[in-house]
Amino acid sequence: MTASRVDRVEARRLARALGFGAAAGVVMFATLALAPRAMAAGPGPTVALTTISDPAALVRRIQEAAARNSYSGTFVVGSGSQVTSLRVTHVGHGNDQIDRIEALDGELRQVYRHNDRVHVLWPRLHAALVEQRDPGLNLPGQLAGGSSARLDMYELQPGASDRIAGHEASVMLLRPRDQLRHAQKLWLDAATGLLLRTDILDEHGRVLESAGFSELRWIQRPAAQALLSEMHRLKGYRVERPAVVPTELSREGWGLSQPIAGFQVSYAVKHPPGLGSSPAQGAAMPADHATSSARPAREVLQAVFSDGLTTVSLFVEPHDGARHGNAEKASQQGATQLLGLRQGDWWITAVGDVPRATLQAFATRLERRRTP
């Protein structure tokens, strides 16, 4: 897989995926981290955020706040000179979690989520993808870390109060204990704990990427059925349902020669040949797969590693000189780094919101152990 294609299939942050066009090929995987049990709509009880000292407890509070509240607002993602706006509606309805996210810039794209099921729609093209949710996916107002996250490699530093989107906010800093990950500055609604804004910072404290609500209101009477009806209104659409097969890294004959401090493998999947691309291209196979080689396309193995707050994805596929070349490839977009390199007969692509050195460690420590 070339670095230019990875942003079409790696979508941990749905906001970034929509904004950069990656939702055109978003692949959301079959394993789902269980969401907290949803509560009644509307703001929940006041939470004592200032008393939280454990990073894992903070992440759990954020996840619970996202599950128990229903809200609508405008969500803005910025990195460098690129700014993208999304219209977000979230409904916590009984045990159901329902989201509608619409890109306000560029090609009209709508993303609906009902628990672990995700529909990506392009109304103008009458095209849709129906997939499972990626457990590493950050929806607006949420973090990727689950209730079991330990976040041992971070320390929590409470900050001053602030205001975001007209709401009083408590500011928290998750500072890494090493150089393998970035710090994250979080703004949480003081009344509910809902995540209002996230800044990813480099080692000098400079903002690499910022994502947050510019406007937010609570929904007192959630229209859950109306959203579900919209989600399933696919008559006349060309629907693609990519088949993604859960697996294990060791089962596929791969492993790390040395662990990366704080990171553990979360899950692994095999993607079908081609890795879904934009319906605007008229096919599910990326151009570099379709035109550069007469060899049949092969499945692509993906392994996702997490430290409880951020994730790194490793993509493994047979090396193809016409597509990959032999030289190492690297690029950066906001906080996201991409690195591709050759390892014998294989091409390894690493993607993550981590420093370049972290991706280098993952890519070079991944080793072939046996033929499955």
Protein backbone atom coordinates (compact mmCIF):
# COMPACT_ATOMS: atom_id res chain seq x y z
CA MET A 1 0.00 0.00 0.00
CA THR A 2 1.37 3.40 -0.92
CA ALA A 3 1.22 6.24 1.57
CA SER A 4 -1.02 8.21 -0.79
CA ARG A 5 -3.70 5.51 -0.46
CA VAL A 6 -3.59 4.93 3.27
CA ASP A 7 -5.56 8.06 4.10
CA ARG A 8 -8.46 6.55 2.18
CA VAL A 9 -8.73 3.54 4.43
CA GLU A 10 -7.44 4.74 7.80
CA ALA A 11 -10.18 6.75 9.52
CA ARG A 12 -9.68 6.74 13.26
CA ARG A 13 -10.88 10.30 13.30
CA LEU A 14 -14.09 10.54 11.33
CA ALA A 15 -13.83 14.31 11.23
CA ARG A 16 -10.45 14.14 9.51
CA ALA A 17 -11.66 11.40 7.23
CA LEU A 18 -14.59 13.46 6.03
CA GLY A 19 -12.57 16.60 5.67
CA PHE A 20 -9.66 15.14 3.74
CA GLY A 21 -11.82 12.94 1.54
CA ALA A 22 -10.75 9.76 3.28
CA ALA A 23 -14.37 8.82 3.91
CA ALA A 24 -14.48 8.07 0.21
CA GLY A 25 -12.67 4.89 1.09
CA VAL A 26 -13.31 4.58 4.79
CA VAL A 27 -12.95 1.02 6.07
CA MET A 28 -14.51 0.37 9.47
CA PHE A 29 -13.73 -2.96 10.97
CA ALA A 30 -15.66 -5.87 12.41
CA THR A 31 -14.47 -5.67 16.01
CA LEU A 32 -16.27 -3.11 18.20
CA ALA A 33 -15.21 -1.94 21.62
CA LEU A 34 -18.34 -1.98 23.77
CA ALA A 35 -19.74 1.49 24.34
CA PRO A 36 -20.92 2.54 27.79
CA ARG A 37 -24.62 1.99 28.45
CA ALA A 38 -26.59 4.98 27.22
CA MET A 39 -28.65 7.06 29.61
CA ALA A 40 -31.51 9.51 29.20
CA ALA A 41 -31.17 12.32 26.66
CA GLY A 42 -30.11 15.79 27.70
CA PRO A 43 -27.31 16.94 29.98
CA GLY A 44 -26.41 14.47 32.69
CA PRO A 45 -25.59 15.30 36.30
CA THR A 46 -22.74 17.62 37.18
CA VAL A 47 -19.41 15.79 37.31
CA ALA A 48 -16.46 16.71 39.52
CA LEU A 49 -13.86 16.76 36.76
CA THR A 50 -11.32 18.58 38.91
CA THR A 51 -11.15 15.60 41.29
CA ILE A 52 -10.04 13.15 38.58
CA SER A 53 -6.33 12.34 38.71
CA ASP A 54 -6.20 9.07 36.74
CA PRO A 55 -5.98 9.40 32.91
CA ALA A 56 -8.00 6.19 32.40
CA ALA A 57 -10.77 7.50 34.67
CA LEU A 58 -10.86 10.71 32.64
CA VAL A 59 -11.22 8.82 29.36
CA ARG A 60 -14.02 6.70 30.84
CA ARG A 61 -15.83 9.87 31.96
CA ILE A 62 -15.57 11.30 28.46
CA GLN A 63 -16.93 8.09 26.90
CA GLU A 64 -19.81 7.98 29.37
CA ALA A 65 -20.68 11.61 28.68
CA ALA A 66 -20.76 10.97 24.94
CA ALA A 67 -23.07 7.98 25.45
CA ARG A 68 -25.54 9.52 27.88
CA ASN A 69 -26.15 12.90 26.21
CA SER A 70 -27.94 13.90 23.02
CA TYR A 71 -26.64 16.96 21.22
CA SER A 72 -26.20 18.72 17.90
CA GLY A 73 -23.57 21.15 16.72
CA THR A 74 -20.92 22.29 14.28
CA PHE A 75 -17.55 20.54 14.58
CA VAL A 76 -14.41 22.12 13.11
CA VAL A 77 -11.13 20.34 12.34
CA GLY A 78 -7.99 22.32 11.61
CA SER A 79 -4.41 21.38 10.78
CA GLY A 80 -2.07 23.91 9.25
CA SER A 81 -3.95 25.90 6.63
CA GLN A 82 -6.64 23.25 6.17
CA VAL A 83 -9.96 23.71 7.99
CA THR A 84 -13.02 21.47 7.67
CA SER A 85 -16.50 21.87 9.16
CA LEU A 86 -18.98 19.12 10.00
CA ARG A 87 -22.58 19.14 11.18
CA VAL A 88 -22.93 16.59 14.00
CA THR A 89 -26.03 15.10 15.63
CA HIS A 90 -25.71 12.49 18.37
CA VAL A 91 -28.56 10.67 20.11
CA GLY A 92 -28.24 8.49 23.19
CA HIS A 93 -31.53 6.56 23.14
CA GLY A 94 -31.88 3.72 25.63
CA ASN A 95 -29.12 1.26 24.73
CA ASP A 96 -28.74 2.76 21.25
CA GLN A 97 -26.11 5.23 20.08
CA ILE A 98 -26.99 7.05 16.85
CA ASP A 99 -24.88 9.60 14.98
CA ARG A 100 -25.33 11.67 11.83
CA ILE A 101 -22.28 13.54 10.56
CA GLU A 102 -22.44 15.70 7.44
CA ALA A 103 -19.53 17.38 5.70
CA LEU A 104 -20.23 21.09 5.20
CA ASP A 105 -17.35 21.57 2.76
CA GLY A 106 -16.67 19.98 -0.61
CA GLU A 107 -18.55 16.93 -1.89
CA LEU A 108 -21.71 16.24 0.12
CA ARG A 109 -21.00 13.25 2.38
CA GLN A 110 -23.19 11.91 5.16
CA VAL A 111 -22.13 9.37 7.75
CA TYR A 112 -24.67 7.57 9.93
CA ARG A 113 -23.80 5.29 12.81
CA HIS A 114 -26.17 3.03 14.74
CA ASN A 115 -24.11 1.28 17.43
CA ASP A 116 -21.55 -0.76 15.45
CA ARG A 117 -23.10 -0.24 12.01
CA VAL A 118 -21.92 2.66 9.82
CA HIS A 119 -23.39 3.94 6.55
CA VAL A 120 -21.37 6.40 4.44
CA LEU A 121 -23.54 8.11 1.81
CA TRP A 122 -22.75 10.27 -1.22
CA PRO A 123 -26.24 11.57 -2.17
CA ARG A 124 -25.18 13.22 -5.45
CA LEU A 125 -23.55 10.00 -6.62
CA HIS A 126 -26.26 7.73 -5.19
CA ALA A 127 -23.49 5.62 -3.67
CA ALA A 128 -23.12 4.15 -0.19
CA LEU A 129 -20.77 2.05 1.92
CA VAL A 130 -22.22 -0.14 4.66
CA GLU A 131 -19.60 -1.23 7.17
CA GLN A 132 -18.79 -2.02 10.76
CA ARG A 133 -17.38 0.66 13.01
CA ASP A 134 -13.62 0.86 13.58
CA PRO A 135 -13.05 0.60 17.36
CA GLY A 136 -10.22 3.10 16.95
CA LEU A 137 -12.51 5.62 15.35
CA ASN A 138 -12.93 8.93 17.17
CA LEU A 139 -16.38 10.39 16.62
CA PRO A 140 -16.79 14.07 17.51
CA GLY A 141 -17.17 14.35 21.27
CA GLN A 142 -15.45 11.00 21.89
CA LEU A 143 -12.02 9.44 22.31
CA ALA A 144 -10.78 6.10 21.04
CA GLY A 145 -9.82 4.78 24.47
CA GLY A 146 -12.29 2.30 25.96
CA SER A 147 -13.30 1.54 29.53
CA SER A 148 -10.39 -0.92 29.83
CA ALA A 149 -7.75 1.61 28.79
CA ARG A 150 -4.99 2.07 31.38
CA LEU A 151 -3.02 4.93 29.78
CA ASP A 152 0.08 4.11 31.84
CA MET A 153 2.25 6.17 29.52
CA TYR A 154 0.44 9.45 30.27
CA GLU A 155 0.12 11.73 33.25
CA LEU A 156 -2.90 13.96 33.80
CA GLN A 157 -2.47 17.65 34.53
CA PRO A 158 -5.62 19.70 35.25
CA GLY A 159 -5.64 23.19 33.75
CA ALA A 160 -7.64 26.38 34.11
CA SER A 161 -11.29 26.87 33.20
CA ASP A 162 -12.22 28.10 29.73
CA ARG A 163 -15.22 28.54 27.41
CA ILE A 164 -15.79 26.52 24.26
CA ALA A 165 -18.80 26.96 21.95
CA GLY A 166 -20.55 28.95 24.69
CA HIS A 167 -20.09 26.23 27.33
CA GLU A 168 -18.00 26.40 30.49
CA ALA A 169 -15.13 23.96 30.10
CA SER A 170 -12.53 22.26 32.28
CA VAL A 171 -9.12 21.99 30.61
CA MET A 172 -7.05 18.81 31.02
CA LEU A 173 -3.60 17.94 29.66
CA LEU A 174 -2.58 14.33 29.01
CA ARG A 175 1.20 14.55 28.92
CA PRO A 176 3.23 11.56 27.65
CA ARG A 177 5.93 10.03 29.85
CA ASP A 178 8.22 9.40 26.83
CA GLN A 179 8.91 10.63 23.32
CA LEU A 180 6.87 7.93 21.56
CA ARG A 181 3.52 9.75 21.63
CA HIS A 182 2.02 13.24 21.56
CA ALA A 183 0.44 15.23 24.35
CA GLN A 184 -3.28 15.95 24.08
CA LYS A 185 -5.02 18.98 25.53
CA LEU A 186 -8.71 18.39 26.22
CA TRP A 187 -11.59 20.77 26.91
CA LEU A 188 -14.51 19.05 28.71
CA ASP A 189 -17.95 20.51 29.31
CA ALA A 190 -17.92 21.34 33.02
CA ALA A 191 -21.53 20.22 33.53
CA THR A 192 -21.49 16.89 31.67
CA GLY A 193 -17.91 15.89 30.88
CA LEU A 194 -18.59 15.92 27.12
CA LEU A 195 -15.42 16.43 25.09
CA LEU A 196 -15.70 19.84 23.42
CA ARG A 197 -12.26 20.23 21.88
CA THR A 198 -8.97 18.33 21.46
CA ASP A 199 -5.56 19.74 20.55
CA ILE A 200 -2.71 17.37 19.65
CA LEU A 201 0.63 18.92 20.64
CA ASP A 202 4.19 18.24 19.55
CA GLU A 203 7.13 17.92 21.95
CA HIS A 204 7.45 21.72 22.07
CA GLY A 205 3.79 22.28 22.92
CA ARG A 206 2.88 23.50 19.44
CA VAL A 207 -0.54 22.54 18.07
CA LEU A 208 -0.33 19.95 15.31
CA GLU A 209 -4.07 19.54 14.96
CA SER A 210 -7.16 20.94 16.64
CA ALA A 211 -10.71 19.58 16.52
CA GLY A 212 -13.72 20.86 18.43
CA PHE A 213 -17.23 22.25 18.50
CA SER A 214 -17.78 25.84 17.41
CA GLU A 215 -21.48 25.56 18.29
CA LEU A 216 -23.28 23.00 20.46
CA ARG A 217 -26.78 22.57 21.83
CA TRP A 218 -28.47 19.83 23.83
CA ILE A 219 -31.36 17.90 22.29
CA GLN A 220 -34.21 17.48 24.75
CA ARG A 221 -36.47 15.30 22.57
CA PRO A 222 -34.20 13.05 20.48
CA ALA A 223 -35.68 11.95 17.15
CA ALA A 224 -34.00 8.56 17.10
CA GLN A 225 -36.40 6.93 14.66
CA ALA A 226 -36.13 9.81 12.21
CA LEU A 227 -32.34 9.43 12.10
CA LEU A 228 -32.59 5.66 11.65
CA SER A 229 -35.07 6.15 8.81
CA GLU A 230 -32.63 8.51 7.08
CA MET A 231 -29.79 6.04 7.61
CA HIS A 232 -31.65 3.17 5.93
CA ARG A 233 -33.08 5.22 3.05
CA LEU A 234 -30.89 3.53 0.44
CA LYS A 235 -33.36 2.93 -2.38
CA GLY A 236 -31.71 3.85 -5.66
CA TYR A 237 -28.20 3.78 -4.13
CA ARG A 238 -25.33 1.59 -5.31
CA VAL A 239 -24.38 -0.07 -2.03
CA GLU A 240 -20.96 -1.59 -1.34
CA ARG A 241 -20.43 -3.90 1.63
CA PRO A 242 -16.68 -4.57 1.90
CA ALA A 243 -15.90 -7.91 3.53
CA VAL A 244 -13.31 -7.53 6.27
CA VAL A 245 -12.09 -10.70 8.01
CA PRO A 246 -10.98 -10.59 11.68
CA THR A 247 -7.71 -12.39 12.34
CA GLU A 248 -4.64 -12.31 14.59
CA LEU A 249 -1.20 -10.97 13.77
CA SER A 250 0.51 -14.18 14.90
CA ARG A 251 -1.95 -16.31 12.93
CA GLU A 252 -0.85 -14.49 9.78
CA GLY A 253 2.80 -15.20 10.58
CA TRP A 254 3.83 -11.75 11.85
CA GLY A 255 4.96 -10.23 15.14
CA LEU A 256 7.10 -7.48 16.67
CA SER A 257 10.73 -8.36 17.41
CA GLN A 258 10.50 -6.02 20.42
CA PRO A 259 7.41 -4.43 21.98
CA ILE A 260 6.83 -0.66 21.70
CA ALA A 261 6.47 0.75 25.22
CA GLY A 262 2.85 1.25 26.21
CA PHE A 263 1.34 -0.14 22.99
CA GLN A 264 -0.56 -3.42 22.72
CA VAL A 265 -2.19 -4.97 19.68
CA SER A 266 -5.93 -4.22 19.72
CA TYR A 267 -7.08 -6.24 16.75
CA ALA A 268 -6.10 -7.37 13.27
CA VAL A 269 -8.13 -7.75 10.09
CA LYS A 270 -7.65 -8.77 6.47
CA HIS A 271 -9.00 -6.34 3.90
CA PRO A 272 -10.28 -7.54 0.54
CA PRO A 273 -8.12 -6.84 -2.52
CA GLY A 274 -8.25 -3.24 -3.68
CA LEU A 275 -9.18 -1.50 -0.43
CA GLY A 276 -12.36 0.48 -1.11
CA SER A 277 -11.92 3.76 -2.92
CA SER A 278 -14.20 6.67 -3.73
CA PRO A 279 -17.45 5.96 -5.57
CA ALA A 280 -16.51 8.99 -7.64
CA GLN A 281 -13.78 6.88 -9.18
CA GLY A 282 -16.36 4.35 -10.31
CA ALA A 283 -14.67 1.33 -8.73
CA ALA A 284 -13.72 -0.11 -5.38
CA MET A 285 -10.11 -0.70 -6.41
CA PRO A 286 -7.52 2.08 -6.08
CA ALA A 287 -5.92 3.13 -9.33
CA ASP A 288 -2.47 1.99 -8.29
CA HIS A 289 -3.79 -1.55 -7.76
CA ALA A 290 -5.79 -1.57 -10.97
CA THR A 291 -3.30 -0.27 -13.52
CA SER A 292 0.26 -0.90 -12.41
CA SER A 293 0.55 -4.67 -12.43
CA ALA A 294 -0.94 -7.72 -14.08
CA ARG A 295 -0.59 -9.69 -10.84
CA PRO A 296 -3.85 -10.43 -9.02
CA ALA A 297 -4.46 -8.10 -6.08
CA ARG A 298 -3.77 -9.64 -2.68
CA GLU A 299 -5.47 -9.19 0.67
CA VAL A 300 -3.99 -6.50 2.89
CA LEU A 301 -3.33 -7.32 6.54
CA GLN A 302 -3.91 -4.54 9.07
CA ALA A 303 -2.90 -4.66 12.72
CA VAL A 304 -3.93 -1.88 15.09
CA PHE A 305 -1.92 -1.09 18.23
CA SER A 306 -3.18 1.20 21.00
CA ASP A 307 -1.81 2.81 24.15
CA GLY A 308 -5.33 3.59 25.36
CA LEU A 309 -5.43 7.09 23.86
CA THR A 310 -3.98 6.90 20.37
CA THR A 311 -3.51 4.14 17.80
CA VAL A 312 -0.97 3.02 15.21
CA SER A 313 -2.01 0.92 12.20
CA LEU A 314 0.38 -1.37 10.33
CA PHE A 315 -0.64 -2.44 6.82
CA VAL A 316 1.19 -5.41 5.25
CA GLU A 317 1.00 -6.44 1.60
CA PRO A 318 3.28 -8.09 -0.98
CA HIS A 319 5.84 -5.69 -2.38
CA ASP A 320 5.10 -4.48 -5.92
CA GLY A 321 7.96 -2.52 -7.44
CA ALA A 322 5.72 -0.77 -9.95
CA ARG A 323 3.52 0.65 -7.20
CA HIS A 324 5.81 0.91 -4.21
CA GLY A 325 9.31 1.32 -5.58
CA ASN A 326 12.15 0.48 -3.20
CA ALA A 327 12.76 3.77 -1.41
CA GLU A 328 11.25 4.57 1.97
CA LYS A 329 8.27 6.96 1.74
CA ALA A 330 7.03 9.34 4.43
CA SER A 331 4.46 12.13 4.70
CA GLN A 332 2.58 14.10 7.33
CA GLN A 333 -0.87 15.71 7.48
CA GLY A 334 -1.54 17.57 10.71
CA ALA A 335 -0.82 15.15 13.54
CA THR A 336 -0.98 12.08 11.28
CA GLN A 337 2.28 10.56 10.11
CA LEU A 338 2.54 7.99 7.29
CA LEU A 339 5.57 5.81 6.64
CA GLY A 340 6.08 3.14 3.98
CA LEU A 341 9.09 0.88 3.58
CA ARG A 342 10.14 -2.39 1.99
CA GLN A 343 10.91 -5.47 4.08
CA GLY A 344 12.09 -8.27 1.80
CA ASP A 345 9.12 -9.38 -0.31
CA TRP A 346 6.70 -7.21 1.66
CA TRP A 347 5.65 -3.57 1.80
CA ILE A 348 4.88 -2.18 5.26
CA THR A 349 2.86 1.00 5.77
CA ALA A 350 2.54 2.54 9.23
CA VAL A 351 -0.02 5.24 10.07
CA GLY A 352 -0.69 7.04 13.33
CA ASP A 353 -1.04 10.28 15.28
CA VAL A 354 2.42 9.74 16.75
CA PRO A 355 5.96 11.07 16.13
CA ARG A 356 7.79 9.77 13.05
CA ALA A 357 10.26 7.85 15.24
CA THR A 358 7.40 5.81 16.70
CA LEU A 359 6.22 4.71 13.26
CA GLN A 360 9.82 3.90 12.33
CA ALA A 361 10.08 1.65 15.38
CA PHE A 362 6.86 -0.18 14.53
CA ALA A 363 7.70 -0.65 10.85
CA THR A 364 11.25 -1.90 11.44
CA ARG A 365 10.35 -4.20 14.35
CA LEU A 366 7.56 -5.96 12.46
CA GLU A 367 9.03 -9.25 11.34
CA ARG A 368 7.97 -12.28 9.34
CA ARG A 369 8.01 -15.33 11.66
CA ARG A 370 6.46 -18.07 9.59
CA THR A 371 4.29 -18.75 6.55
CA PRO A 372 0.66 -19.20 7.69
